[in-house]
């Protein structure tokens, strides 16, 4: 039963974190001159507008995976005009970075809440951490503060996961779109055409991303934990 409850907590965090992620993409595109996602209702923090676009990825698949494994697996998307991206590749690259950037903002906000809780005496750095168990409640595991800490920890860890995963420079992840910022201008059109004309790269990219993800996430999680408790002298390895 605890696993199911934890899975549902993860799902709620996934739902709203993904909503912010996609809304950030849509907002950045609008600021860059492409109103496609805005006209589709994606510049919104209301999950319903994003669920309508991707009901399988936002609701059906995550809830099924929670019931099966205790962990939400899903996907979402914000539409954009490829012609706009072709005319303004740098703007499109910043649009790609906006989604992971929104997730990192949530990591920062969760980290601030943890630090406020430690200063207030309701949280403390645990000796051992789990994925969402990044802080401990001084009142014990039966307290409301333990549940609050678990929710904040879920926001911290899941958004770090979403940011790291989406920043991998593999199609169809956001990192592949952001690579444009590192390419010389003469190579950008060829790179964009290769991404858009070869959808099979997306399947290969997702497969490779799952294989290498731990290699990138584990050190990122350790760095984030040490940054989280830096002011309190706690250290994790």
Protein backbone atom coordinates (compact mmCIF):
# COMPACT_ATOMS: atom_id res chain seq x y z
CA UNK A 1 0.00 0.00 0.00
CA UNK A 2 2.85 2.39 0.83
CA UNK A 3 4.37 1.77 -2.60
CA UNK A 4 1.08 2.68 -4.28
CA UNK A 5 0.72 5.86 -2.22
CA UNK A 6 4.31 6.85 -3.01
CA UNK A 7 3.69 6.10 -6.68
CA UNK A 8 0.63 8.35 -6.69
CA UNK A 9 2.67 11.11 -5.04
CA UNK A 10 5.25 10.71 -7.80
CA UNK A 11 2.46 10.85 -10.40
CA UNK A 12 1.07 14.13 -9.05
CA UNK A 13 4.58 15.62 -9.00
CA UNK A 14 5.19 14.26 -12.52
CA UNK A 15 1.91 15.75 -13.77
CA UNK A 16 2.56 19.28 -12.54
CA UNK A 17 6.30 19.21 -13.26
CA UNK A 18 5.65 18.09 -16.83
CA UNK A 19 2.97 20.76 -17.17
CA UNK A 20 5.47 23.45 -16.17
CA UNK A 21 8.08 21.91 -18.48
CA UNK A 22 5.80 22.05 -21.52
CA UNK A 23 4.40 25.46 -20.61
CA UNK A 24 7.96 26.77 -20.49
CA UNK A 25 8.62 25.42 -23.99
CA UNK A 26 5.42 27.05 -25.24
CA UNK A 27 6.17 30.37 -23.52
CA UNK A 28 9.73 30.49 -24.86
CA UNK A 29 8.48 29.76 -28.39
CA UNK A 30 5.90 32.54 -28.09
CA UNK A 31 8.57 34.96 -26.88
CA UNK A 32 10.71 33.87 -29.81
CA UNK A 33 7.97 34.56 -32.35
CA UNK A 34 6.17 31.22 -32.73
CA UNK A 35 2.58 31.30 -31.38
CA UNK A 36 1.79 27.68 -32.35
CA UNK A 37 1.78 26.27 -28.82
CA UNK A 38 0.14 29.40 -27.42
CA UNK A 39 -2.75 29.05 -29.86
CA UNK A 40 -3.00 25.40 -28.83
CA UNK A 41 -3.42 26.40 -25.18
CA UNK A 42 -0.01 25.16 -24.01
CA UNK A 43 1.13 28.43 -22.42
CA UNK A 44 -0.75 27.36 -19.32
CA UNK A 45 -0.07 25.87 -15.89
CA UNK A 46 -3.42 24.07 -16.06
CA UNK A 47 -2.57 20.38 -16.62
CA UNK A 48 -5.84 19.87 -18.50
CA UNK A 49 -4.64 21.77 -21.56
CA UNK A 50 -1.57 19.52 -21.76
CA UNK A 51 -3.55 16.36 -21.00
CA UNK A 52 -5.84 17.12 -23.93
CA UNK A 53 -2.80 17.11 -26.22
CA UNK A 54 -1.18 13.97 -24.78
CA UNK A 55 -3.75 11.97 -22.76
CA UNK A 56 -1.80 8.72 -23.19
CA UNK A 57 1.52 10.18 -22.08
CA UNK A 58 0.16 12.39 -19.32
CA UNK A 59 -2.47 10.12 -17.74
CA UNK A 60 -2.94 6.61 -19.12
CA UNK A 61 0.66 5.40 -19.34
CA UNK A 62 1.87 7.03 -16.09
CA UNK A 63 -1.03 5.63 -14.04
CA UNK A 64 -0.64 2.15 -15.52
CA UNK A 65 3.09 2.22 -14.79
CA UNK A 66 2.40 3.40 -11.21
CA UNK A 67 0.08 0.42 -10.68
CA UNK A 68 2.60 -1.99 -12.21
CA UNK A 69 5.91 -0.65 -10.93
CA UNK A 70 5.14 2.15 -8.47
CA UNK A 71 6.80 4.63 -10.81
CA UNK A 72 5.20 6.98 -13.41
CA UNK A 73 6.51 6.70 -16.96
CA UNK A 74 5.06 9.16 -19.43
CA UNK A 75 5.63 11.87 -21.99
CA UNK A 76 4.24 15.17 -23.20
CA UNK A 77 4.90 17.67 -25.95
CA UNK A 78 4.37 21.26 -27.03
CA UNK A 79 3.88 21.95 -30.75
CA UNK A 80 6.03 24.38 -32.71
CA UNK A 81 6.37 25.48 -36.33
CA UNK A 82 9.37 23.81 -38.02
CA UNK A 83 9.53 26.68 -40.50
CA UNK A 84 10.00 29.09 -37.59
CA UNK A 85 12.70 26.83 -36.12
CA UNK A 86 14.44 26.72 -39.50
CA UNK A 87 14.40 30.52 -39.79
CA UNK A 88 15.40 31.06 -36.16
CA UNK A 89 17.42 28.03 -35.04
CA UNK A 90 18.96 29.77 -32.02
CA UNK A 91 15.54 30.80 -30.73
CA UNK A 92 14.35 27.23 -31.21
CA UNK A 93 17.35 26.01 -29.23
CA UNK A 94 16.48 28.30 -26.32
CA UNK A 95 12.91 27.02 -26.56
CA UNK A 96 14.30 23.49 -26.14
CA UNK A 97 16.27 24.53 -23.06
CA UNK A 98 13.29 26.25 -21.46
CA UNK A 99 11.65 22.95 -20.44
CA UNK A 100 14.61 21.52 -18.50
CA UNK A 101 15.23 25.01 -17.18
CA UNK A 102 11.75 25.00 -15.63
CA UNK A 103 12.50 21.66 -13.98
CA UNK A 104 15.75 23.02 -12.53
CA UNK A 105 13.81 25.99 -11.18
CA UNK A 106 11.56 23.55 -9.30
CA UNK A 107 14.67 21.76 -7.98
CA UNK A 108 15.92 25.12 -6.69
CA UNK A 109 12.55 25.96 -5.08
CA UNK A 110 12.38 22.56 -3.38
CA UNK A 111 15.93 22.99 -2.15
CA UNK A 112 15.08 26.37 -0.65
CA UNK A 113 12.08 24.85 1.16
CA UNK A 114 14.29 22.09 2.59
CA UNK A 115 16.80 24.66 3.83
CA UNK A 116 14.04 26.76 5.38
CA UNK A 117 12.77 23.61 7.09
CA UNK A 118 16.21 22.81 8.48
CA UNK A 119 16.61 26.36 9.79
CA UNK A 120 13.14 26.12 11.34
CA UNK A 121 14.07 22.86 13.05
CA UNK A 122 11.49 20.67 11.31
CA UNK A 123 13.95 18.96 8.90
CA UNK A 124 17.52 17.74 9.20
CA UNK A 125 20.04 16.17 6.79
CA UNK A 126 19.60 12.37 6.94
CA UNK A 127 22.58 10.07 7.26
CA UNK A 128 21.34 8.04 4.29
CA UNK A 129 19.21 9.34 1.44
CA UNK A 130 16.88 7.69 -1.05
CA UNK A 131 15.48 9.04 -4.29
CA UNK A 132 12.73 11.10 -2.61
CA UNK A 133 14.04 10.74 0.95
CA UNK A 134 16.38 13.69 0.68
CA UNK A 135 15.41 15.19 4.02
CA UNK A 136 14.27 13.86 7.39
CA UNK A 137 11.68 15.19 9.82
CA UNK A 138 12.71 15.88 13.40
CA UNK A 139 9.23 14.83 14.54
CA UNK A 140 9.68 11.30 13.13
CA UNK A 141 8.25 9.25 10.27
CA UNK A 142 4.68 9.30 11.63
CA UNK A 143 4.47 13.09 11.57
CA UNK A 144 2.89 15.41 9.04
CA UNK A 145 6.32 16.95 8.51
CA UNK A 146 7.65 13.62 7.29
CA UNK A 147 4.95 13.60 4.59
CA UNK A 148 5.69 17.22 3.72
CA UNK A 149 9.39 16.43 3.49
CA UNK A 150 8.70 13.43 1.26
CA UNK A 151 6.61 15.58 -1.09
CA UNK A 152 9.29 18.26 -1.26
CA UNK A 153 11.93 15.58 -1.79
CA UNK A 154 9.86 14.11 -4.62
CA UNK A 155 9.74 17.52 -6.31
CA UNK A 156 13.50 17.92 -5.82
CA UNK A 157 14.50 14.48 -7.12
CA UNK A 158 11.95 13.99 -9.89
CA UNK A 159 12.59 17.40 -11.42
CA UNK A 160 16.34 16.82 -11.31
CA UNK A 161 15.69 13.52 -13.10
CA UNK A 162 13.51 15.22 -15.74
CA UNK A 163 16.10 17.95 -16.29
CA UNK A 164 19.06 15.59 -16.63
CA UNK A 165 17.20 13.16 -18.86
CA UNK A 166 15.88 15.84 -21.20
CA UNK A 167 19.26 17.54 -21.45
CA UNK A 168 20.91 14.45 -22.90
CA UNK A 169 21.93 15.46 -26.44
CA UNK A 170 19.97 12.67 -28.11
CA UNK A 171 16.85 13.00 -30.28
CA UNK A 172 14.01 13.50 -29.51
CA UNK A 173 15.16 14.93 -26.16
CA UNK A 174 15.53 18.66 -25.60
CA UNK A 175 19.30 18.41 -25.46
CA UNK A 176 19.41 17.50 -29.14
CA UNK A 177 17.61 20.74 -30.01
CA UNK A 178 19.87 22.77 -27.74
CA UNK A 179 22.98 21.45 -29.54
CA UNK A 180 22.30 24.08 -32.20
CA UNK A 181 23.80 26.65 -29.83
CA UNK A 182 27.15 24.85 -30.05
CA UNK A 183 27.23 24.33 -33.81
CA UNK A 184 28.70 26.70 -36.40
CA UNK A 185 26.06 28.42 -38.51
CA UNK A 186 26.94 26.49 -41.67
CA UNK A 187 26.17 23.16 -40.03
CA UNK A 188 22.88 24.12 -38.39
CA UNK A 189 20.58 23.59 -41.44
CA UNK A 190 22.10 20.17 -42.14
CA UNK A 191 21.74 19.17 -38.50
CA UNK A 192 18.10 20.28 -38.35
CA UNK A 193 17.22 18.47 -41.58
CA UNK A 194 18.86 15.29 -40.28
CA UNK A 195 16.76 15.42 -37.11
CA UNK A 196 13.49 16.17 -38.88
CA UNK A 197 13.91 13.80 -41.81
CA UNK A 198 14.98 10.75 -39.80
CA UNK A 199 12.28 9.93 -37.21
CA UNK A 200 13.98 6.60 -36.53
CA UNK A 201 16.67 8.56 -34.69
CA UNK A 202 14.12 9.24 -31.97
CA UNK A 203 13.68 5.56 -31.17
CA UNK A 204 17.43 5.00 -31.16
CA UNK A 205 17.93 8.12 -29.03
CA UNK A 206 15.44 7.03 -26.37
CA UNK A 207 17.01 3.57 -26.19
CA UNK A 208 20.51 4.98 -25.80
CA UNK A 209 19.31 7.57 -23.28
CA UNK A 210 17.90 4.86 -21.00
CA UNK A 211 21.17 2.93 -21.23
CA UNK A 212 23.43 5.84 -20.28
CA UNK A 213 21.09 7.78 -17.99
CA UNK A 214 22.45 6.47 -14.67
CA UNK A 215 25.96 7.48 -15.71
CA UNK A 216 24.81 11.11 -15.81
CA UNK A 217 22.09 11.17 -13.16
CA UNK A 218 23.96 9.53 -10.28
CA UNK A 219 26.74 12.15 -10.10
CA UNK A 220 24.22 14.95 -10.73
CA UNK A 221 22.11 13.70 -7.80
CA UNK A 222 25.16 13.54 -5.53
CA UNK A 223 26.23 17.06 -6.51
CA UNK A 224 22.69 18.34 -5.93
CA UNK A 225 22.51 16.73 -2.47
CA UNK A 226 25.83 18.22 -1.43
CA UNK A 227 24.73 21.63 -2.69
CA UNK A 228 21.42 21.21 -0.83
CA UNK A 229 23.10 20.78 2.55
CA UNK A 230 26.30 22.72 1.92
CA UNK A 231 25.42 25.37 4.51
CA UNK A 232 24.87 22.71 7.16
CA UNK A 233 28.10 20.78 6.65
CA UNK A 234 26.50 17.51 5.50
CA UNK A 235 28.30 15.56 2.80
CA UNK A 236 27.25 12.67 0.55
CA UNK A 237 29.14 10.49 -1.88
